[in-house]
PDB file of N, CA and C in Angstrom:
ATOM      1  N   MET A   1      -5.223  -7.075  -9.723  1.00  0.00           N
ATOM      2  CA  MET A   1      -4.066  -7.007  -9.943  1.00  0.00           C
ATOM      3  C   MET A   1      -2.976  -8.429 -10.261  1.00  0.00           C
ATOM      4  N   ASN A   2      -2.532  -7.969 -10.639  1.00  0.00           N
ATOM      5  CA  ASN A   2      -1.210  -9.582 -10.554  1.00  0.00           C
ATOM      6  C   ASN A   2      -0.804  -9.786 -10.024  1.00  0.00           C
ATOM      7  N   SER A   3      -0.240 -11.643 -10.114  1.00  0.00           N
ATOM      8  CA  SER A   3       0.645 -12.047  -9.181  1.00  0.00           C
ATOM      9  C   SER A   3       2.298 -11.613  -9.468  1.00  0.00           C
ATOM     10  N   SER A   4       2.801 -11.142 -10.540  1.00  0.00           N
ATOM     11  CA  SER A   4       3.958  -9.798  -9.747  1.00  0.00           C
ATOM     12  C   SER A   4       3.743  -8.677  -9.357  1.00  0.00           C
ATOM     13  N   ASP A   5       2.842  -8.610  -9.514  1.00  0.00           N
ATOM     14  CA  ASP A   5       2.965  -7.394  -8.235  1.00  0.00           C
ATOM     15  C   ASP A   5       3.354  -7.679  -6.659  1.00  0.00           C
ATOM     16  N   ARG A   6       4.520  -6.746  -6.136  1.00  0.00           N
ATOM     17  CA  ARG A   6       5.211  -6.643  -5.360  1.00  0.00           C
ATOM     18  C   ARG A   6       5.566  -6.085  -4.400  1.00  0.00           C
ATOM     19  N   THR A   7       5.324  -4.601  -4.779  1.00  0.00           N
ATOM     20  CA  THR A   7       5.419  -3.046  -4.002  1.00  0.00           C
ATOM     21  C   THR A   7       4.086  -2.256  -3.815  1.00  0.00           C
ATOM     22  N   PRO A   8       3.926  -1.891  -2.799  1.00  0.00           N
ATOM     23  CA  PRO A   8       2.696  -1.286  -3.175  1.00  0.00           C
ATOM     24  C   PRO A   8       2.663  -0.158  -4.725  1.00  0.00           C
ATOM     25  N   ALA A   9       4.133   0.375  -5.153  1.00  0.00           N
ATOM     26  CA  ALA A   9       3.772   0.889  -5.903  1.00  0.00           C
ATOM     27  C   ALA A   9       3.207   0.274  -7.515  1.00  0.00           C
ATOM     28  N   ASP A  10       3.792  -1.392  -7.439  1.00  0.00           N
ATOM     29  CA  ASP A  10       3.413  -1.856  -8.652  1.00  0.00           C
ATOM     30  C   ASP A  10       2.123  -2.299  -8.201  1.00  0.00           C
ATOM     31  N   LEU A  11       1.462  -1.928  -6.616  1.00  0.00           N
ATOM     32  CA  LEU A  11      -0.246  -2.497  -6.399  1.00  0.00           C
ATOM     33  C   LEU A  11      -1.171  -1.569  -6.942  1.00  0.00           C
ATOM     34  N   LEU A  12      -0.547  -0.551  -7.027  1.00  0.00           N
ATOM     35  CA  LEU A  12      -1.088   1.145  -7.149  1.00  0.00           C
ATOM     36  C   LEU A  12      -1.268   1.141  -8.831  1.00  0.00           C
ATOM     37  N   ARG A  13      -0.049   0.785  -9.362  1.00  0.00           N
ATOM     38  CA  ARG A  13      -0.178   1.405 -10.654  1.00  0.00           C
ATOM     39  C   ARG A  13      -0.734  -0.119 -11.324  1.00  0.00           C
ATOM     40  N   SER A  14      -1.300  -1.526 -10.946  1.00  0.00           N
ATOM     41  CA  SER A  14      -2.136  -2.635 -11.258  1.00  0.00           C
ATOM     42  C   SER A  14      -3.651  -2.247 -11.171  1.00  0.00           C
ATOM     43  N   ALA A  15      -3.589  -1.486 -10.061  1.00  0.00           N
ATOM     44  CA  ALA A  15      -5.401  -0.990  -9.823  1.00  0.00           C
ATOM     45  C   ALA A  15      -4.950   0.346 -10.959  1.00  0.00           C
ATOM     46  N   LEU A  16      -4.273   1.263 -11.058  1.00  0.00           N
ATOM     47  CA  LEU A  16      -4.750   1.913 -12.160  1.00  0.00           C
ATOM     48  C   LEU A  16      -4.827   1.504 -13.324  1.00  0.00           C
ATOM     49  N   ALA A  17      -4.166   0.391 -13.754  1.00  0.00           N
ATOM     50  CA  ALA A  17      -4.894  -0.244 -14.991  1.00  0.00           C
ATOM     51  C   ALA A  17      -5.803  -0.549 -15.083  1.00  0.00           C
ATOM     52  N   THR A  18      -6.405  -1.728 -14.541  1.00  0.00           N
ATOM     53  CA  THR A  18      -7.377  -2.464 -14.188  1.00  0.00           C
ATOM     54  C   THR A  18      -8.855  -1.131 -14.506  1.00  0.00           C
ATOM     55  N   ASP A  19      -9.010  -0.344 -13.259  1.00  0.00           N
ATOM     56  CA  ASP A  19     -10.050   0.298 -12.796  1.00  0.00           C
ATOM     57  C   ASP A  19      -9.987   1.194 -11.826  1.00  0.00           C
ATOM     58  N   PRO A  20      -9.058   2.789 -12.347  1.00  0.00           N
ATOM     59  CA  PRO A  20      -8.834   3.616 -12.056  1.00  0.00           C
ATOM     60  C   PRO A  20     -10.372   4.629 -11.254  1.00  0.00           C
ATOM     61  N   ALA A  21     -11.526   4.204 -11.581  1.00  0.00           N
ATOM     62  CA  ALA A  21     -12.372   4.872 -10.926  1.00  0.00           C
ATOM     63  C   ALA A  21     -12.764   4.206  -9.347  1.00  0.00           C
ATOM     64  N   ARG A  22     -12.758   2.930  -9.226  1.00  0.00           N
ATOM     65  CA  ARG A  22     -12.981   2.462  -8.368  1.00  0.00           C
ATOM     66  C   ARG A  22     -13.031   2.940  -7.155  1.00  0.00           C
ATOM     67  N   PRO A  23     -13.831   2.864  -5.774  1.00  0.00           N
ATOM     68  CA  PRO A  23     -13.095   3.137  -4.567  1.00  0.00           C
ATOM     69  C   PRO A  23     -11.923   2.183  -3.794  1.00  0.00           C
ATOM     70  N   LEU A  24     -11.169   3.126  -3.287  1.00  0.00           N
ATOM     71  CA  LEU A  24     -10.079   2.568  -2.650  1.00  0.00           C
ATOM     72  C   LEU A  24     -10.065   2.329  -1.357  1.00  0.00           C
ATOM     73  N   VAL A  25      -9.813   3.658  -0.866  1.00  0.00           N
ATOM     74  CA  VAL A  25      -9.753   3.910   0.926  1.00  0.00           C
ATOM     75  C   VAL A  25     -11.083   4.819   0.867  1.00  0.00           C
ATOM     76  N   THR A  26     -11.671   4.282   1.840  1.00  0.00           N
ATOM     77  CA  THR A  26     -12.974   4.763   2.752  1.00  0.00           C
ATOM     78  C   THR A  26     -12.752   5.852   4.012  1.00  0.00           C
ATOM     79  N   PHE A  27     -12.634   6.417   4.321  1.00  0.00           N
ATOM     80  CA  PHE A  27     -12.081   7.328   5.539  1.00  0.00           C
ATOM     81  C   PHE A  27     -13.661   7.885   6.356  1.00  0.00           C
ATOM     82  N   TYR A  28     -13.594   7.035   7.544  1.00  0.00           N
ATOM     83  CA  TYR A  28     -15.084   7.952   8.677  1.00  0.00           C
ATOM     84  C   TYR A  28     -14.114   8.330   9.751  1.00  0.00           C
ATOM     85  N   ASP A  29     -14.583   9.583  10.238  1.00  0.00           N
ATOM     86  CA  ASP A  29     -14.156   9.622  11.167  1.00  0.00           C
ATOM     87  C   ASP A  29     -15.663  10.003  12.370  1.00  0.00           C
ATOM     88  N   ASP A  30     -15.684   9.252  12.977  1.00  0.00           N
ATOM     89  CA  ASP A  30     -16.785   9.368  14.252  1.00  0.00           C
ATOM     90  C   ASP A  30     -16.937  10.304  15.130  1.00  0.00           C
ATOM     91  N   ALA A  31     -15.932  10.911  15.538  1.00  0.00           N
ATOM     92  CA  ALA A  31     -16.132  12.692  16.249  1.00  0.00           C
ATOM     93  C   ALA A  31     -16.638  13.572  15.131  1.00  0.00           C
ATOM     94  N   THR A  32     -16.623  13.428  13.615  1.00  0.00           N
ATOM     95  CA  THR A  32     -17.469  14.271  13.030  1.00  0.00           C
ATOM     96  C   THR A  32     -18.257  14.470  12.140  1.00  0.00           C
ATOM     97  N   GLY A  33     -18.218  13.062  12.024  1.00  0.00           N
ATOM     98  CA  GLY A  33     -19.323  12.122  11.295  1.00  0.00           C
ATOM     99  C   GLY A  33     -19.005  12.532   9.913  1.00  0.00           C
ATOM    100  N   GLU A  34     -17.783  12.609   9.486  1.00  0.00           N
ATOM    101  CA  GLU A  34     -16.576  13.028   8.052  1.00  0.00           C
ATOM    102  C   GLU A  34     -16.669  11.707   7.773  1.00  0.00           C
ATOM    103  N   ARG A  35     -17.290  11.711   6.204  1.00  0.00           N
ATOM    104  CA  ARG A  35     -16.741  10.179   5.312  1.00  0.00           C
ATOM    105  C   ARG A  35     -16.003  10.981   3.946  1.00  0.00           C
ATOM    106  N   VAL A  36     -14.707  10.200   3.677  1.00  0.00           N
ATOM    107  CA  VAL A  36     -13.963  10.380   2.416  1.00  0.00           C
ATOM    108  C   VAL A  36     -13.851   9.232   1.869  1.00  0.00           C
ATOM    109  N   GLU A  37     -14.094   8.910   0.667  1.00  0.00           N
ATOM    110  CA  GLU A  37     -13.768   8.541  -0.188  1.00  0.00           C
ATOM    111  C   GLU A  37     -13.364   8.314  -1.523  1.00  0.00           C
ATOM    112  N   LEU A  38     -11.839   7.728  -1.925  1.00  0.00           N
ATOM    113  CA  LEU A  38     -11.166   7.565  -2.831  1.00  0.00           C
ATOM    114  C   LEU A  38     -10.991   6.763  -3.540  1.00  0.00           C
ATOM    115  N   SER A  39     -10.929   7.081  -4.726  1.00  0.00           N
ATOM    116  CA  SER A  39     -10.822   6.611  -6.054  1.00  0.00           C
ATOM    117  C   SER A  39      -9.328   5.697  -6.287  1.00  0.00           C
ATOM    118  N   VAL A  40      -8.991   4.644  -6.612  1.00  0.00           N
ATOM    119  CA  VAL A  40      -7.622   4.505  -7.580  1.00  0.00           C
ATOM    120  C   VAL A  40      -7.015   5.703  -7.315  1.00  0.00           C
ATOM    121  N   ALA A  41      -7.661   6.417  -8.664  1.00  0.00           N
ATOM    122  CA  ALA A  41      -6.833   7.295  -9.296  1.00  0.00           C
ATOM    123  C   ALA A  41      -7.021   8.813  -8.330  1.00  0.00           C
ATOM    124  N   THR A  42      -8.082   9.064  -7.708  1.00  0.00           N
ATOM    125  CA  THR A  42      -7.173  10.163  -6.462  1.00  0.00           C
ATOM    126  C   THR A  42      -6.445   9.729  -5.342  1.00  0.00           C
ATOM    127  N   PHE A  43      -6.362   8.585  -5.330  1.00  0.00           N
ATOM    128  CA  PHE A  43      -5.265   8.534  -4.326  1.00  0.00           C
ATOM    129  C   PHE A  43      -3.921   8.084  -4.343  1.00  0.00           C
ATOM    130  N   ALA A  44      -3.627   7.852  -6.378  1.00  0.00           N
ATOM    131  CA  ALA A  44      -2.747   7.825  -7.148  1.00  0.00           C
ATOM    132  C   ALA A  44      -2.050   9.371  -7.320  1.00  0.00           C
ATOM    133  N   ASN A  45      -2.976  10.151  -6.741  1.00  0.00           N
ATOM    134  CA  ASN A  45      -2.720  11.574  -7.259  1.00  0.00           C
ATOM    135  C   ASN A  45      -2.383  12.203  -6.226  1.00  0.00           C
ATOM    136  N   TRP A  46      -3.064  12.075  -5.162  1.00  0.00           N
ATOM    137  CA  TRP A  46      -2.196  11.870  -3.585  1.00  0.00           C
ATOM    138  C   TRP A  46      -0.567  11.513  -3.248  1.00  0.00           C
ATOM    139  N   VAL A  47      -0.859  10.670  -3.867  1.00  0.00           N
ATOM    140  CA  VAL A  47       0.708   9.635  -3.706  1.00  0.00           C
ATOM    141  C   VAL A  47       1.616  10.846  -4.692  1.00  0.00           C
ATOM    142  N   SER A  48       1.614  10.775  -5.560  1.00  0.00           N
ATOM    143  CA  SER A  48       2.178  11.679  -6.534  1.00  0.00           C
ATOM    144  C   SER A  48       1.817  13.359  -5.724  1.00  0.00           C
ATOM    145  N   LYS A  49       1.822  13.984  -5.356  1.00  0.00           N
ATOM    146  CA  LYS A  49       1.747  15.136  -4.946  1.00  0.00           C
ATOM    147  C   LYS A  49       2.164  15.219  -3.505  1.00  0.00           C
ATOM    148  N   THR A  50       2.312  14.266  -2.752  1.00  0.00           N
ATOM    149  CA  THR A  50       3.056  13.885  -1.323  1.00  0.00           C
ATOM    150  C   THR A  50       4.277  13.514  -1.644  1.00  0.00           C
ATOM    151  N   ALA A  51       4.472  12.372  -3.031  1.00  0.00           N
ATOM    152  CA  ALA A  51       6.161  12.536  -3.264  1.00  0.00           C
ATOM    153  C   ALA A  51       6.981  13.742  -3.665  1.00  0.00           C
ATOM    154  N   ASN A  52       6.233  14.430  -4.497  1.00  0.00           N
ATOM    155  CA  ASN A  52       6.772  15.643  -5.490  1.00  0.00           C
ATOM    156  C   ASN A  52       6.807  16.706  -3.942  1.00  0.00           C
ATOM    157  N   LEU A  53       5.926  16.680  -3.062  1.00  0.00           N
ATOM    158  CA  LEU A  53       6.687  17.375  -1.237  1.00  0.00           C
ATOM    159  C   LEU A  53       7.856  17.056  -0.934  1.00  0.00           C
ATOM    160  N   LEU A  54       7.902  15.567  -1.199  1.00  0.00           N
ATOM    161  CA  LEU A  54       8.810  15.267  -0.050  1.00  0.00           C
ATOM    162  C   LEU A  54      10.735  16.047  -0.854  1.00  0.00           C
ATOM    163  N   GLN A  55      10.558  15.564  -2.377  1.00  0.00           N
ATOM    164  CA  GLN A  55      11.758  15.904  -3.680  1.00  0.00           C
ATOM    165  C   GLN A  55      11.294  17.153  -3.744  1.00  0.00           C
ATOM    166  N   GLY A  56      10.328  17.746  -3.970  1.00  0.00           N
ATOM    167  CA  GLY A  56      11.040  19.128  -4.686  1.00  0.00           C
ATOM    168  C   GLY A  56      10.840  20.180  -3.045  1.00  0.00           C
ATOM    169  N   GLU A  57      10.119  20.396  -2.839  1.00  0.00           N
ATOM    170  CA  GLU A  57      10.113  21.137  -1.277  1.00  0.00           C
ATOM    171  C   GLU A  57      10.932  20.753  -0.218  1.00  0.00           C
ATOM    172  N   LEU A  58      11.076  19.201  -0.028  1.00  0.00           N
ATOM    173  CA  LEU A  58      11.738  19.244   1.342  1.00  0.00           C
ATOM    174  C   LEU A  58      13.594  18.674   0.817  1.00  0.00           C
ATOM    175  N   ALA A  59      13.798  18.555  -0.238  1.00  0.00           N
ATOM    176  CA  ALA A  59      14.461  17.593  -1.029  1.00  0.00           C
ATOM    177  C   ALA A  59      15.300  16.245  -0.687  1.00  0.00           C
ATOM    178  N   ALA A  60      13.745  15.613  -0.541  1.00  0.00           N
ATOM    179  CA  ALA A  60      14.435  14.353  -0.194  1.00  0.00           C
ATOM    180  C   ALA A  60      14.653  13.587  -1.208  1.00  0.00           C
ATOM    181  N   ALA A  61      16.097  12.454  -0.722  1.00  0.00           N
ATOM    182  CA  ALA A  61      16.356  12.335  -2.360  1.00  0.00           C
ATOM    183  C   ALA A  61      16.785  10.535  -1.743  1.00  0.00           C
ATOM    184  N   PRO A  62      16.631   9.940  -2.883  1.00  0.00           N
ATOM    185  CA  PRO A  62      17.274   8.440  -2.171  1.00  0.00           C
ATOM    186  C   PRO A  62      18.000   8.022  -1.429  1.00  0.00           C
ATOM    187  N   GLY A  63      17.700   7.037  -0.829  1.00  0.00           N
ATOM    188  CA  GLY A  63      18.495   6.566   0.757  1.00  0.00           C
ATOM    189  C   GLY A  63      18.355   7.362   1.843  1.00  0.00           C
ATOM    190  N   ASP A  64      17.915   8.644   1.738  1.00  0.00           N
ATOM    191  CA  ASP A  64      16.752   9.525   2.684  1.00  0.00           C
ATOM    192  C   ASP A  64      16.308   9.000   3.904  1.00  0.00           C
ATOM    193  N   ARG A  65      16.322   9.218   4.746  1.00  0.00           N
ATOM    194  CA  ARG A  65      15.414   8.802   5.727  1.00  0.00           C
ATOM    195  C   ARG A  65      14.040   9.701   6.225  1.00  0.00           C
ATOM    196  N   LEU A  66      12.961   9.561   6.267  1.00  0.00           N
ATOM    197  CA  LEU A  66      12.127  10.394   6.662  1.00  0.00           C
ATOM    198  C   LEU A  66      11.136   9.493   7.722  1.00  0.00           C
ATOM    199  N   ALA A  67      10.546  10.953   8.422  1.00  0.00           N
ATOM    200  CA  ALA A  67       9.419   9.764   9.594  1.00  0.00           C
ATOM    201  C   ALA A  67       8.329  11.101   9.542  1.00  0.00           C
ATOM    202  N   LEU A  68       7.150  10.745   9.396  1.00  0.00           N
ATOM    203  CA  LEU A  68       6.087  11.381   9.713  1.00  0.00           C
ATOM    204  C   LEU A  68       4.937  11.184  10.390  1.00  0.00           C
ATOM    205  N   LEU A  69       5.044  12.327  11.430  1.00  0.00           N
ATOM    206  CA  LEU A  69       3.944  11.514  12.522  1.00  0.00           C
ATOM    207  C   LEU A  69       2.539  12.050  12.005  1.00  0.00           C
ATOM    208  N   LEU A  70       1.336  11.145  11.533  1.00  0.00           N
ATOM    209  CA  LEU A  70       0.295  12.233  11.143  1.00  0.00           C
ATOM    210  C   LEU A  70      -1.116  11.078  12.033  1.00  0.00           C
ATOM    211  N   PRO A  71      -1.989  11.751  12.193  1.00  0.00           N
ATOM    212  CA  PRO A  71      -3.027  11.575  13.057  1.00  0.00           C
ATOM    213  C   PRO A  71      -3.971  10.187  12.158  1.00  0.00           C
ATOM    214  N   ALA A  72      -4.510   9.690  12.731  1.00  0.00           N
ATOM    215  CA  ALA A  72      -5.560   8.830  12.243  1.00  0.00           C
ATOM    216  C   ALA A  72      -6.259   9.464  11.098  1.00  0.00           C
ATOM    217  N   HIS A  73      -6.004   9.330   9.986  1.00  0.00           N
ATOM    218  CA  HIS A  73      -6.991  10.250   8.782  1.00  0.00           C
ATOM    219  C   HIS A  73      -6.336   9.470   7.592  1.00  0.00           C
ATOM    220  N   TRP A  74      -7.240   9.532   6.264  1.00  0.00           N
ATOM    221  CA  TRP A  74      -7.293   9.338   5.237  1.00  0.00           C
ATOM    222  C   TRP A  74      -5.843   9.818   4.888  1.00  0.00           C
ATOM    223  N   GLN A  75      -5.283  10.794   4.771  1.00  0.00           N
ATOM    224  CA  GLN A  75      -4.200  11.143   4.303  1.00  0.00           C
ATOM    225  C   GLN A  75      -2.419  10.305   4.720  1.00  0.00           C
ATOM    226  N   SER A  76      -3.006   9.310   6.042  1.00  0.00           N
ATOM    227  CA  SER A  76      -2.213   8.882   6.248  1.00  0.00           C
ATOM    228  C   SER A  76      -1.629   7.472   5.306  1.00  0.00           C
ATOM    229  N   ALA A  77      -2.953   6.983   4.820  1.00  0.00           N
ATOM    230  CA  ALA A  77      -2.826   6.282   3.896  1.00  0.00           C
ATOM    231  C   ALA A  77      -2.228   6.213   3.257  1.00  0.00           C
ATOM    232  N   VAL A  78      -2.224   7.286   2.790  1.00  0.00           N
ATOM    233  CA  VAL A  78      -0.946   8.425   1.569  1.00  0.00           C
ATOM    234  C   VAL A  78       0.349   7.994   1.656  1.00  0.00           C
TER     235      VAL A  78
END
């Protein structure tokens, strides 16, 4: 990461440029025993999918306010 990284988008872009295959998020669900590990590239892909959903399907535009209620899950990080 660079000293100029200021936003989450900057940090993700920097991580993608440095090592996109490295693990970024590991989620453990104690109730089910589920373990999910996301690489930087996979996480970035999910961020892109989520942004496209908000813009394309839900017509969110710059300046709009959104609220999402998500359980404790790896998708909450995205």
